[in-house]
Amino acid sequence: MELPLQIAAHGVELGSETGTLIRQYARKLDRYYGHIMGLRVTVEVSQRQMGEPIVYSAHIDVTIPGGELVVKYQAHPELHTAIQRAFEAARRRLQDYARRQRGAVKAKEY
């Protein structure tokens, strides 16, 4: 399935290599939950004071039937690591959502 993918950048230029990396991670998400309706990835550089190191943040919104999963900012000094961590968090949330949809989550006994 071809995902409707939107990539946005704020305060940082994304090269073709970074765009390719984001597309690869997005295709992997489709393996964990095949009913993804939309995927929006935002990469930005946090505001900083003079002399502070650059910190990249990645934010992912996954639109699925019945709702939306949001992965808040995964900050890291390296751009690719911030993107990787955000997609790992999105993968875990999609897996949990898919388990709940299948009914594979145990009910608590009180």
PDB file of N, CA and C in Angstrom:
ATOM      1  N   MET A   1       0.835  -1.181   0.000  1.00  0.00           N
ATOM      2  CA  MET A   1       0.000   0.000   0.000  1.00  0.00           C
ATOM      3  C   MET A   1       0.875   1.237   0.000  1.00  0.00           C
ATOM      4  N   GLU A   2       0.535   2.193  -0.799  1.00  0.00           N
ATOM      5  CA  GLU A   2       1.284   3.456  -0.834  1.00  0.00           C
ATOM      6  C   GLU A   2       0.688   4.401   0.205  1.00  0.00           C
ATOM      7  N   LEU A   3       1.484   4.769   1.182  1.00  0.00           N
ATOM      8  CA  LEU A   3       1.011   5.625   2.251  1.00  0.00           C
ATOM      9  C   LEU A   3       0.945   7.075   1.802  1.00  0.00           C
ATOM     10  N   PRO A   4      -0.117   7.787   2.166  1.00  0.00           N
ATOM     11  CA  PRO A   4      -0.130   9.226   1.947  1.00  0.00           C
ATOM     12  C   PRO A   4       0.775   9.863   3.002  1.00  0.00           C
ATOM     13  N   LEU A   5       1.979  10.220   2.594  1.00  0.00           N
ATOM     14  CA  LEU A   5       3.011  10.692   3.512  1.00  0.00           C
ATOM     15  C   LEU A   5       3.248  12.176   3.303  1.00  0.00           C
ATOM     16  N   GLN A   6       3.251  12.922   4.405  1.00  0.00           N
ATOM     17  CA  GLN A   6       3.582  14.344   4.375  1.00  0.00           C
ATOM     18  C   GLN A   6       4.818  14.539   5.234  1.00  0.00           C
ATOM     19  N   ILE A   7       5.817  15.234   4.671  1.00  0.00           N
ATOM     20  CA  ILE A   7       7.048  15.520   5.404  1.00  0.00           C
ATOM     21  C   ILE A   7       7.193  17.029   5.488  1.00  0.00           C
ATOM     22  N   ALA A   8       7.373  17.530   6.698  1.00  0.00           N
ATOM     23  CA  ALA A   8       7.554  18.963   6.909  1.00  0.00           C
ATOM     24  C   ALA A   8       8.815  19.190   7.728  1.00  0.00           C
ATOM     25  N   ALA A   9       9.455  20.330   7.485  1.00  0.00           N
ATOM     26  CA  ALA A   9      10.666  20.690   8.229  1.00  0.00           C
ATOM     27  C   ALA A   9      10.549  22.141   8.683  1.00  0.00           C
ATOM     28  N   HIS A  10      10.936  22.390   9.922  1.00  0.00           N
ATOM     29  CA  HIS A  10      10.916  23.734  10.478  1.00  0.00           C
ATOM     30  C   HIS A  10      12.300  24.049  11.041  1.00  0.00           C
ATOM     31  N   GLY A  11      12.952  25.024  10.460  1.00  0.00           N
ATOM     32  CA  GLY A  11      14.251  25.443  10.958  1.00  0.00           C
ATOM     33  C   GLY A  11      15.400  24.545  10.544  1.00  0.00           C
ATOM     34  N   VAL A  12      15.148  23.624   9.635  1.00  0.00           N
ATOM     35  CA  VAL A  12      16.195  22.696   9.186  1.00  0.00           C
ATOM     36  C   VAL A  12      15.910  22.308   7.738  1.00  0.00           C
ATOM     37  N   GLU A  13      16.949  22.141   6.960  1.00  0.00           N
ATOM     38  CA  GLU A  13      16.815  21.681   5.579  1.00  0.00           C
ATOM     39  C   GLU A  13      16.966  20.164   5.571  1.00  0.00           C
ATOM     40  N   LEU A  14      16.009  19.478   4.993  1.00  0.00           N
ATOM     41  CA  LEU A  14      16.085  18.022   4.888  1.00  0.00           C
ATOM     42  C   LEU A  14      16.623  17.676   3.505  1.00  0.00           C
ATOM     43  N   GLY A  15      17.713  16.952   3.484  1.00  0.00           N
ATOM     44  CA  GLY A  15      18.290  16.520   2.222  1.00  0.00           C
ATOM     45  C   GLY A  15      17.550  15.322   1.662  1.00  0.00           C
ATOM     46  N   SER A  16      17.938  14.911   0.485  1.00  0.00           N
ATOM     47  CA  SER A  16      17.275  13.769  -0.151  1.00  0.00           C
ATOM     48  C   SER A  16      17.515  12.481   0.636  1.00  0.00           C
ATOM     49  N   GLU A  17      18.691  12.386   1.262  1.00  0.00           N
ATOM     50  CA  GLU A  17      19.002  11.193   2.071  1.00  0.00           C
ATOM     51  C   GLU A  17      18.054  11.082   3.261  1.00  0.00           C
ATOM     52  N   THR A  18      17.762  12.197   3.901  1.00  0.00           N
ATOM     53  CA  THR A  18      16.853  12.198   5.047  1.00  0.00           C
ATOM     54  C   THR A  18      15.428  11.884   4.601  1.00  0.00           C
ATOM     55  N   GLY A  19      15.015  12.429   3.469  1.00  0.00           N
ATOM     56  CA  GLY A  19      13.689  12.119   2.934  1.00  0.00           C
ATOM     57  C   GLY A  19      13.539  10.651   2.604  1.00  0.00           C
ATOM     58  N   THR A  20      14.588  10.065   2.036  1.00  0.00           N
ATOM     59  CA  THR A  20      14.578   8.634   1.726  1.00  0.00           C
ATOM     60  C   THR A  20      14.487   7.811   3.001  1.00  0.00           C
ATOM     61  N   LEU A  21      15.220   8.215   4.036  1.00  0.00           N
ATOM     62  CA  LEU A  21      15.191   7.509   5.320  1.00  0.00           C
ATOM     63  C   LEU A  21      13.783   7.532   5.916  1.00  0.00           C
ATOM     64  N   ILE A  22      13.126   8.687   5.867  1.00  0.00           N
ATOM     65  CA  ILE A  22      11.774   8.817   6.409  1.00  0.00           C
ATOM     66  C   ILE A  22      10.810   7.924   5.631  1.00  0.00           C
ATOM     67  N   ARG A  23      10.944   7.883   4.313  1.00  0.00           N
ATOM     68  CA  ARG A  23      10.068   7.033   3.495  1.00  0.00           C
ATOM     69  C   ARG A  23      10.271   5.547   3.814  1.00  0.00           C
ATOM     70  N   GLN A  24      11.517   5.143   4.053  1.00  0.00           N
ATOM     71  CA  GLN A  24      11.794   3.742   4.408  1.00  0.00           C
ATOM     72  C   GLN A  24      11.136   3.377   5.731  1.00  0.00           C
ATOM     73  N   TYR A  25      11.289   4.249   6.726  1.00  0.00           N
ATOM     74  CA  TYR A  25      10.661   3.987   8.023  1.00  0.00           C
ATOM     75  C   TYR A  25       9.138   3.957   7.893  1.00  0.00           C
ATOM     76  N   ALA A  26       8.573   4.817   7.054  1.00  0.00           N
ATOM     77  CA  ALA A  26       7.125   4.855   6.865  1.00  0.00           C
ATOM     78  C   ALA A  26       6.623   3.547   6.248  1.00  0.00           C
ATOM     79  N   ARG A  27       7.354   3.013   5.280  1.00  0.00           N
ATOM     80  CA  ARG A  27       6.962   1.738   4.674  1.00  0.00           C
ATOM     81  C   ARG A  27       7.006   0.612   5.701  1.00  0.00           C
ATOM     82  N   LYS A  28       7.969   0.666   6.625  1.00  0.00           N
ATOM     83  CA  LYS A  28       8.047  -0.357   7.662  1.00  0.00           C
ATOM     84  C   LYS A  28       6.833  -0.307   8.592  1.00  0.00           C
ATOM     85  N   LEU A  29       6.327   0.910   8.863  1.00  0.00           N
ATOM     86  CA  LEU A  29       5.146   1.025   9.726  1.00  0.00           C
ATOM     87  C   LEU A  29       3.949   0.314   9.114  1.00  0.00           C
ATOM     88  N   ASP A  30       3.872   0.310   7.798  1.00  0.00           N
ATOM     89  CA  ASP A  30       2.748  -0.326   7.119  1.00  0.00           C
ATOM     90  C   ASP A  30       2.728  -1.834   7.363  1.00  0.00           C
ATOM     91  N   ARG A  31       3.879  -2.417   7.675  1.00  0.00           N
ATOM     92  CA  ARG A  31       3.942  -3.851   7.985  1.00  0.00           C
ATOM     93  C   ARG A  31       3.271  -4.178   9.313  1.00  0.00           C
ATOM     94  N   TYR A  32       3.340  -3.240  10.257  1.00  0.00           N
ATOM     95  CA  TYR A  32       2.798  -3.501  11.592  1.00  0.00           C
ATOM     96  C   TYR A  32       1.305  -3.240  11.677  1.00  0.00           C
ATOM     97  N   TYR A  33       0.810  -2.344  10.828  1.00  0.00           N
ATOM     98  CA  TYR A  33      -0.625  -2.074  10.788  1.00  0.00           C
ATOM     99  C   TYR A  33      -0.946  -1.597   9.384  1.00  0.00           C
ATOM    100  N   GLY A  34      -1.630  -2.421   8.611  1.00  0.00           N
ATOM    101  CA  GLY A  34      -1.834  -2.165   7.192  1.00  0.00           C
ATOM    102  C   GLY A  34      -2.946  -1.192   6.845  1.00  0.00           C
ATOM    103  N   HIS A  35      -3.645  -0.656   7.841  1.00  0.00           N
ATOM    104  CA  HIS A  35      -4.781   0.226   7.572  1.00  0.00           C
ATOM    105  C   HIS A  35      -4.458   1.686   7.869  1.00  0.00           C
ATOM    106  N   ILE A  36      -3.211   2.079   7.714  1.00  0.00           N
ATOM    107  CA  ILE A  36      -2.820   3.470   7.958  1.00  0.00           C
ATOM    108  C   ILE A  36      -3.398   4.332   6.845  1.00  0.00           C
ATOM    109  N   MET A  37      -4.118   5.383   7.240  1.00  0.00           N
ATOM    110  CA  MET A  37      -4.759   6.258   6.266  1.00  0.00           C
ATOM    111  C   MET A  37      -3.903   7.477   5.929  1.00  0.00           C
ATOM    112  N   GLY A  38      -3.027   7.873   6.821  1.00  0.00           N
ATOM    113  CA  GLY A  38      -2.185   9.031   6.587  1.00  0.00           C
ATOM    114  C   GLY A  38      -1.039   9.073   7.580  1.00  0.00           C
ATOM    115  N   LEU A  39       0.042   9.697   7.155  1.00  0.00           N
ATOM    116  CA  LEU A  39       1.226   9.789   8.009  1.00  0.00           C
ATOM    117  C   LEU A  39       1.851  11.157   7.798  1.00  0.00           C
ATOM    118  N   ARG A  40       2.021  11.892   8.884  1.00  0.00           N
ATOM    119  CA  ARG A  40       2.594  13.230   8.819  1.00  0.00           C
ATOM    120  C   ARG A  40       3.823  13.273   9.725  1.00  0.00           C
ATOM    121  N   VAL A  41       4.978  13.593   9.152  1.00  0.00           N
ATOM    122  CA  VAL A  41       6.238  13.642   9.888  1.00  0.00           C
ATOM    123  C   VAL A  41       6.740  15.082   9.876  1.00  0.00           C
ATOM    124  N   THR A  42       7.020  15.614  11.056  1.00  0.00           N
ATOM    125  CA  THR A  42       7.549  16.966  11.174  1.00  0.00           C
ATOM    126  C   THR A  42       8.898  16.894  11.881  1.00  0.00           C
ATOM    127  N   VAL A  43       9.916  17.488  11.262  1.00  0.00           N
ATOM    128  CA  VAL A  43      11.253  17.544  11.843  1.00  0.00           C
ATOM    129  C   VAL A  43      11.577  19.012  12.063  1.00  0.00           C
ATOM    130  N   GLU A  44      12.089  19.327  13.246  1.00  0.00           N
ATOM    131  CA  GLU A  44      12.411  20.725  13.527  1.00  0.00           C
ATOM    132  C   GLU A  44      13.603  20.837  14.463  1.00  0.00           C
ATOM    133  N   VAL A  45      14.135  22.036  14.501  1.00  0.00           N
ATOM    134  CA  VAL A  45      15.210  22.366  15.430  1.00  0.00           C
ATOM    135  C   VAL A  45      14.598  23.234  16.516  1.00  0.00           C
ATOM    136  N   SER A  46      14.790  22.830  17.748  1.00  0.00           N
ATOM    137  CA  SER A  46      14.246  23.587  18.867  1.00  0.00           C
ATOM    138  C   SER A  46      14.929  24.935  18.978  1.00  0.00           C
ATOM    139  N   GLN A  47      14.187  25.917  19.501  1.00  0.00           N
ATOM    140  CA  GLN A  47      14.804  27.220  19.721  1.00  0.00           C
ATOM    141  C   GLN A  47      15.870  27.070  20.791  1.00  0.00           C
ATOM    142  N   ARG A  48      16.949  27.815  20.601  1.00  0.00           N
ATOM    143  CA  ARG A  48      18.056  27.677  21.536  1.00  0.00           C
ATOM    144  C   ARG A  48      18.700  29.025  21.778  1.00  0.00           C
ATOM    145  N   GLN A  49      19.436  29.099  22.853  1.00  0.00           N
ATOM    146  CA  GLN A  49      20.197  30.296  23.181  1.00  0.00           C
ATOM    147  C   GLN A  49      21.551  30.227  22.500  1.00  0.00           C
ATOM    148  N   MET A  50      22.201  31.341  22.404  1.00  0.00           N
ATOM    149  CA  MET A  50      23.516  31.404  21.780  1.00  0.00           C
ATOM    150  C   MET A  50      24.480  30.472  22.502  1.00  0.00           C
ATOM    151  N   GLY A  51      25.152  29.619  21.770  1.00  0.00           N
ATOM    152  CA  GLY A  51      26.140  28.715  22.332  1.00  0.00           C
ATOM    153  C   GLY A  51      25.598  27.346  22.703  1.00  0.00           C
ATOM    154  N   GLU A  52      24.287  27.181  22.752  1.00  0.00           N
ATOM    155  CA  GLU A  52      23.717  25.875  23.062  1.00  0.00           C
ATOM    156  C   GLU A  52      23.797  24.975  21.836  1.00  0.00           C
ATOM    157  N   PRO A  53      23.932  23.666  22.042  1.00  0.00           N
ATOM    158  CA  PRO A  53      24.000  22.755  20.891  1.00  0.00           C
ATOM    159  C   PRO A  53      22.652  22.647  20.173  1.00  0.00           C
ATOM    160  N   ILE A  54      22.710  22.289  18.915  1.00  0.00           N
ATOM    161  CA  ILE A  54      21.498  22.079  18.127  1.00  0.00           C
ATOM    162  C   ILE A  54      20.862  20.758  18.549  1.00  0.00           C
ATOM    163  N   VAL A  55      19.542  20.782  18.743  1.00  0.00           N
ATOM    164  CA  VAL A  55      18.793  19.576  19.104  1.00  0.00           C
ATOM    165  C   VAL A  55      17.651  19.432  18.097  1.00  0.00           C
ATOM    166  N   TYR A  56      17.631  18.288  17.416  1.00  0.00           N
ATOM    167  CA  TYR A  56      16.590  18.005  16.428  1.00  0.00           C
ATOM    168  C   TYR A  56      15.439  17.281  17.107  1.00  0.00           C
ATOM    169  N   SER A  57      14.229  17.573  16.657  1.00  0.00           N
ATOM    170  CA  SER A  57      13.040  16.924  17.197  1.00  0.00           C
ATOM    171  C   SER A  57      12.214  16.370  16.050  1.00  0.00           C
ATOM    172  N   ALA A  58      11.618  15.201  16.266  1.00  0.00           N
ATOM    173  CA  ALA A  58      10.747  14.579  15.276  1.00  0.00           C
ATOM    174  C   ALA A  58       9.383  14.342  15.908  1.00  0.00           C
ATOM    175  N   HIS A  59       8.341  14.625  15.152  1.00  0.00           N
ATOM    176  CA  HIS A  59       6.966  14.498  15.603  1.00  0.00           C
ATOM    177  C   HIS A  59       6.207  13.737  14.521  1.00  0.00           C
ATOM    178  N   ILE A  60       5.478  12.687  14.894  1.00  0.00           N
ATOM    179  CA  ILE A  60       4.778  11.854  13.919  1.00  0.00           C
ATOM    180  C   ILE A  60       3.303  11.756  14.292  1.00  0.00           C
ATOM    181  N   ASP A  61       2.438  12.023  13.315  1.00  0.00           N
ATOM    182  CA  ASP A  61       0.998  11.838  13.460  1.00  0.00           C
ATOM    183  C   ASP A  61       0.583  10.734  12.502  1.00  0.00           C
ATOM    184  N   VAL A  62      -0.005   9.666  13.040  1.00  0.00           N
ATOM    185  CA  VAL A  62      -0.461   8.544  12.230  1.00  0.00           C
ATOM    186  C   VAL A  62      -1.980   8.525  12.279  1.00  0.00           C
ATOM    187  N   THR A  63      -2.625   8.680  11.116  1.00  0.00           N
ATOM    188  CA  THR A  63      -4.076   8.636  11.039  1.00  0.00           C
ATOM    189  C   THR A  63      -4.504   7.208  10.726  1.00  0.00           C
ATOM    190  N   ILE A  64      -5.343   6.665  11.613  1.00  0.00           N
ATOM    191  CA  ILE A  64      -5.825   5.292  11.468  1.00  0.00           C
ATOM    192  C   ILE A  64      -7.340   5.317  11.567  1.00  0.00           C
ATOM    193  N   PRO A  65      -8.009   4.258  11.131  1.00  0.00           N
ATOM    194  CA  PRO A  65      -9.466   4.235  11.265  1.00  0.00           C
ATOM    195  C   PRO A  65      -9.875   4.371  12.732  1.00  0.00           C
ATOM    196  N   GLY A  66     -10.693   5.341  13.011  1.00  0.00           N
ATOM    197  CA  GLY A  66     -11.173   5.521  14.369  1.00  0.00           C
ATOM    198  C   GLY A  66     -10.322   6.441  15.221  1.00  0.00           C
ATOM    199  N   GLY A  67      -9.296   7.055  14.671  1.00  0.00           N
ATOM    200  CA  GLY A  67      -8.502   7.956  15.498  1.00  0.00           C
ATOM    201  C   GLY A  67      -7.170   8.334  14.903  1.00  0.00           C
ATOM    202  N   GLU A  68      -6.321   8.794  15.805  1.00  0.00           N
ATOM    203  CA  GLU A  68      -5.007   9.241  15.401  1.00  0.00           C
ATOM    204  C   GLU A  68      -4.019   8.924  16.515  1.00  0.00           C
ATOM    205  N   LEU A  69      -2.857   8.421  16.137  1.00  0.00           N
ATOM    206  CA  LEU A  69      -1.788   8.179  17.097  1.00  0.00           C
ATOM    207  C   LEU A  69      -0.763   9.288  16.934  1.00  0.00           C
ATOM    208  N   VAL A  70      -0.337   9.849  18.048  1.00  0.00           N
ATOM    209  CA  VAL A  70       0.613  10.955  18.004  1.00  0.00           C
ATOM    210  C   VAL A  70       1.853  10.575  18.787  1.00  0.00           C
ATOM    211  N   VAL A  71       3.012  10.747  18.152  1.00  0.00           N
ATOM    212  CA  VAL A  71       4.290  10.560  18.826  1.00  0.00           C
ATOM    213  C   VAL A  71       4.876  11.946  18.999  1.00  0.00           C
ATOM    214  N   LYS A  72       4.978  12.378  20.247  1.00  0.00           N
ATOM    215  CA  LYS A  72       5.514  13.710  20.529  1.00  0.00           C
ATOM    216  C   LYS A  72       7.000  13.753  20.233  1.00  0.00           C
ATOM    217  N   TYR A  73       7.552  14.878  20.444  1.00  0.00           N
ATOM    218  CA  TYR A  73       8.925  15.152  20.054  1.00  0.00           C
ATOM    219  C   TYR A  73       9.930  14.190  20.667  1.00  0.00           C
ATOM    220  N   GLN A  74      10.714  13.588  19.808  1.00  0.00           N
ATOM    221  CA  GLN A  74      11.811  12.726  20.222  1.00  0.00           C
ATOM    222  C   GLN A  74      13.091  13.517  19.936  1.00  0.00           C
ATOM    223  N   ALA A  75      13.630  14.193  20.928  1.00  0.00           N
ATOM    224  CA  ALA A  75      14.757  15.098  20.730  1.00  0.00           C
ATOM    225  C   ALA A  75      16.087  14.358  20.835  1.00  0.00           C
ATOM    226  N   HIS A  76      17.022  14.762  19.974  1.00  0.00           N
ATOM    227  CA  HIS A  76      18.365  14.188  19.980  1.00  0.00           C
ATOM    228  C   HIS A  76      19.291  15.134  19.217  1.00  0.00           C
ATOM    229  N   PRO A  77      20.566  15.183  19.585  1.00  0.00           N
ATOM    230  CA  PRO A  77      21.512  16.057  18.872  1.00  0.00           C
ATOM    231  C   PRO A  77      21.786  15.629  17.420  1.00  0.00           C
ATOM    232  N   GLU A  78      21.476  14.374  17.090  1.00  0.00           N
ATOM    233  CA  GLU A  78      21.688  13.912  15.711  1.00  0.00           C
ATOM    234  C   GLU A  78      20.336  13.727  15.037  1.00  0.00           C
ATOM    235  N   LEU A  79      20.214  14.252  13.818  1.00  0.00           N
ATOM    236  CA  LEU A  79      18.952  14.259  13.094  1.00  0.00           C
ATOM    237  C   LEU A  79      18.415  12.855  12.841  1.00  0.00           C
ATOM    238  N   HIS A  80      19.253  11.976  12.323  1.00  0.00           N
ATOM    239  CA  HIS A  80      18.795  10.631  11.968  1.00  0.00           C
ATOM    240  C   HIS A  80      18.384   9.830  13.203  1.00  0.00           C
ATOM    241  N   THR A  81      19.056  10.049  14.314  1.00  0.00           N
ATOM    242  CA  THR A  81      18.699   9.341  15.549  1.00  0.00           C
ATOM    243  C   THR A  81      17.354   9.820  16.076  1.00  0.00           C
ATOM    244  N   ALA A  82      17.085  11.125  15.989  1.00  0.00           N
ATOM    245  CA  ALA A  82      15.786  11.650  16.421  1.00  0.00           C
ATOM    246  C   ALA A  82      14.663  11.055  15.587  1.00  0.00           C
ATOM    247  N   ILE A  83      14.879  10.948  14.275  1.00  0.00           N
ATOM    248  CA  ILE A  83      13.875  10.363  13.386  1.00  0.00           C
ATOM    249  C   ILE A  83      13.677   8.886  13.704  1.00  0.00           C
ATOM    250  N   GLN A  84      14.769   8.174  13.904  1.00  0.00           N
ATOM    251  CA  GLN A  84      14.698   6.740  14.209  1.00  0.00           C
ATOM    252  C   GLN A  84      13.921   6.496  15.501  1.00  0.00           C
ATOM    253  N   ARG A  85      14.221   7.267  16.540  1.00  0.00           N
ATOM    254  CA  ARG A  85      13.533   7.084  17.816  1.00  0.00           C
ATOM    255  C   ARG A  85      12.046   7.384  17.705  1.00  0.00           C
ATOM    256  N   ALA A  86      11.688   8.401  16.938  1.00  0.00           N
ATOM    257  CA  ALA A  86      10.274   8.735  16.763  1.00  0.00           C
ATOM    258  C   ALA A  86       9.536   7.608  16.049  1.00  0.00           C
ATOM    259  N   PHE A  87      10.157   7.034  15.009  1.00  0.00           N
ATOM    260  CA  PHE A  87       9.503   5.939  14.297  1.00  0.00           C
ATOM    261  C   PHE A  87       9.441   4.668  15.142  1.00  0.00           C
ATOM    262  N   GLU A  88      10.422   4.445  16.014  1.00  0.00           N
ATOM    263  CA  GLU A  88      10.351   3.297  16.920  1.00  0.00           C
ATOM    264  C   GLU A  88       9.174   3.445  17.878  1.00  0.00           C
ATOM    265  N   ALA A  89       8.979   4.661  18.395  1.00  0.00           N
ATOM    266  CA  ALA A  89       7.845   4.907  19.289  1.00  0.00           C
ATOM    267  C   ALA A  89       6.526   4.743  18.541  1.00  0.00           C
ATOM    268  N   ALA A  90       6.458   5.204  17.302  1.00  0.00           N
ATOM    269  CA  ALA A  90       5.248   5.054  16.488  1.00  0.00           C
ATOM    270  C   ALA A  90       4.967   3.577  16.218  1.00  0.00           C
ATOM    271  N   ARG A  91       6.013   2.807  15.952  1.00  0.00           N
ATOM    272  CA  ARG A  91       5.850   1.364  15.717  1.00  0.00           C
ATOM    273  C   ARG A  91       5.265   0.681  16.945  1.00  0.00           C
ATOM    274  N   ARG A  92       5.799   0.999  18.125  1.00  0.00           N
ATOM    275  CA  ARG A  92       5.289   0.389  19.356  1.00  0.00           C
ATOM    276  C   ARG A  92       3.813   0.740  19.577  1.00  0.00           C
ATOM    277  N   ARG A  93       3.459   1.983  19.325  1.00  0.00           N
ATOM    278  CA  ARG A  93       2.061   2.384  19.516  1.00  0.00           C
ATOM    279  C   ARG A  93       1.141   1.709  18.511  1.00  0.00           C
ATOM    280  N   LEU A  94       1.612   1.564  17.271  1.00  0.00           N
ATOM    281  CA  LEU A  94       0.811   0.865  16.263  1.00  0.00           C
ATOM    282  C   LEU A  94       0.631  -0.607  16.624  1.00  0.00           C
ATOM    283  N   GLN A  95       1.687  -1.233  17.118  1.00  0.00           N
ATOM    284  CA  GLN A  95       1.582  -2.635  17.528  1.00  0.00           C
ATOM    285  C   GLN A  95       0.582  -2.781  18.668  1.00  0.00           C
ATOM    286  N   ASP A  96       0.632  -1.891  19.648  1.00  0.00           N
ATOM    287  CA  ASP A  96      -0.321  -1.942  20.755  1.00  0.00           C
ATOM    288  C   ASP A  96      -1.744  -1.739  20.261  1.00  0.00           C
ATOM    289  N   TYR A  97      -1.931  -0.798  19.354  1.00  0.00           N
ATOM    290  CA  TYR A  97      -3.256  -0.537  18.800  1.00  0.00           C
ATOM    291  C   TYR A  97      -3.771  -1.764  18.046  1.00  0.00           C
ATOM    292  N   ALA A  98      -2.905  -2.396  17.248  1.00  0.00           N
ATOM    293  CA  ALA A  98      -3.298  -3.589  16.484  1.00  0.00           C
ATOM    294  C   ALA A  98      -3.665  -4.737  17.421  1.00  0.00           C
ATOM    295  N   ARG A  99      -2.920  -4.889  18.523  1.00  0.00           N
ATOM    296  CA  ARG A  99      -3.249  -5.935  19.503  1.00  0.00           C
ATOM    297  C   ARG A  99      -4.626  -5.701  20.108  1.00  0.00           C
ATOM    298  N   ARG A 100      -4.915  -4.454  20.456  1.00  0.00           N
ATOM    299  CA  ARG A 100      -6.230  -4.145  21.025  1.00  0.00           C
ATOM    300  C   ARG A 100      -7.340  -4.400  20.004  1.00  0.00           C
ATOM    301  N   GLN A 101      -7.089  -4.096  18.744  1.00  0.00           N
ATOM    302  CA  GLN A 101      -8.086  -4.322  17.696  1.00  0.00           C
ATOM    303  C   GLN A 101      -8.375  -5.810  17.523  1.00  0.00           C
ATOM    304  N   ARG A 102      -7.347  -6.629  17.620  1.00  0.00           N
ATOM    305  CA  ARG A 102      -7.508  -8.081  17.476  1.00  0.00           C
ATOM    306  C   ARG A 102      -8.095  -8.722  18.722  1.00  0.00           C
ATOM    307  N   GLY A 103      -8.084  -8.013  19.837  1.00  0.00           N
ATOM    308  CA  GLY A 103      -8.551  -8.583  21.096  1.00  0.00           C
ATOM    309  C   GLY A 103      -7.506  -9.461  21.750  1.00  0.00           C
ATOM    310  N   ALA A 104      -6.244  -9.233  21.424  1.00  0.00           N
ATOM    311  CA  ALA A 104      -5.160 -10.058  21.948  1.00  0.00           C
ATOM    312  C   ALA A 104      -4.610  -9.537  23.269  1.00  0.00           C
ATOM    313  N   VAL A 105      -5.272  -8.568  23.869  1.00  0.00           N
ATOM    314  CA  VAL A 105      -4.827  -8.018  25.137  1.00  0.00           C
ATOM    315  C   VAL A 105      -5.656  -8.656  26.244  1.00  0.00           C
ATOM    316  N   LYS A 106      -4.992  -9.137  27.266  1.00  0.00           N
ATOM    317  CA  LYS A 106      -5.694  -9.782  28.372  1.00  0.00           C
ATOM    318  C   LYS A 106      -6.498  -8.753  29.163  1.00  0.00           C
ATOM    319  N   ALA A 107      -7.652  -9.153  29.581  1.00  0.00           N
ATOM    320  CA  ALA A 107      -8.482  -8.286  30.432  1.00  0.00           C
ATOM    321  C   ALA A 107      -8.032  -8.474  31.871  1.00  0.00           C
ATOM    322  N   LYS A 108      -8.055  -7.391  32.604  1.00  0.00           N
ATOM    323  CA  LYS A 108      -7.680  -7.453  34.021  1.00  0.00           C
ATOM    324  C   LYS A 108      -8.793  -8.082  34.841  1.00  0.00           C
ATOM    325  N   GLU A 109      -8.396  -8.943  35.767  1.00  0.00           N
ATOM    326  CA  GLU A 109      -9.369  -9.555  36.670  1.00  0.00           C
ATOM    327  C   GLU A 109      -9.304  -8.819  38.001  1.00  0.00           C
ATOM    328  N   TYR A 110     -10.464  -8.469  38.508  1.00  0.00           N
ATOM    329  CA  TYR A 110     -10.515  -7.742  39.770  1.00  0.00           C
ATOM    330  C   TYR A 110     -11.104  -8.588  40.843  1.00  0.00           C
TER     331      TYR A 110
END
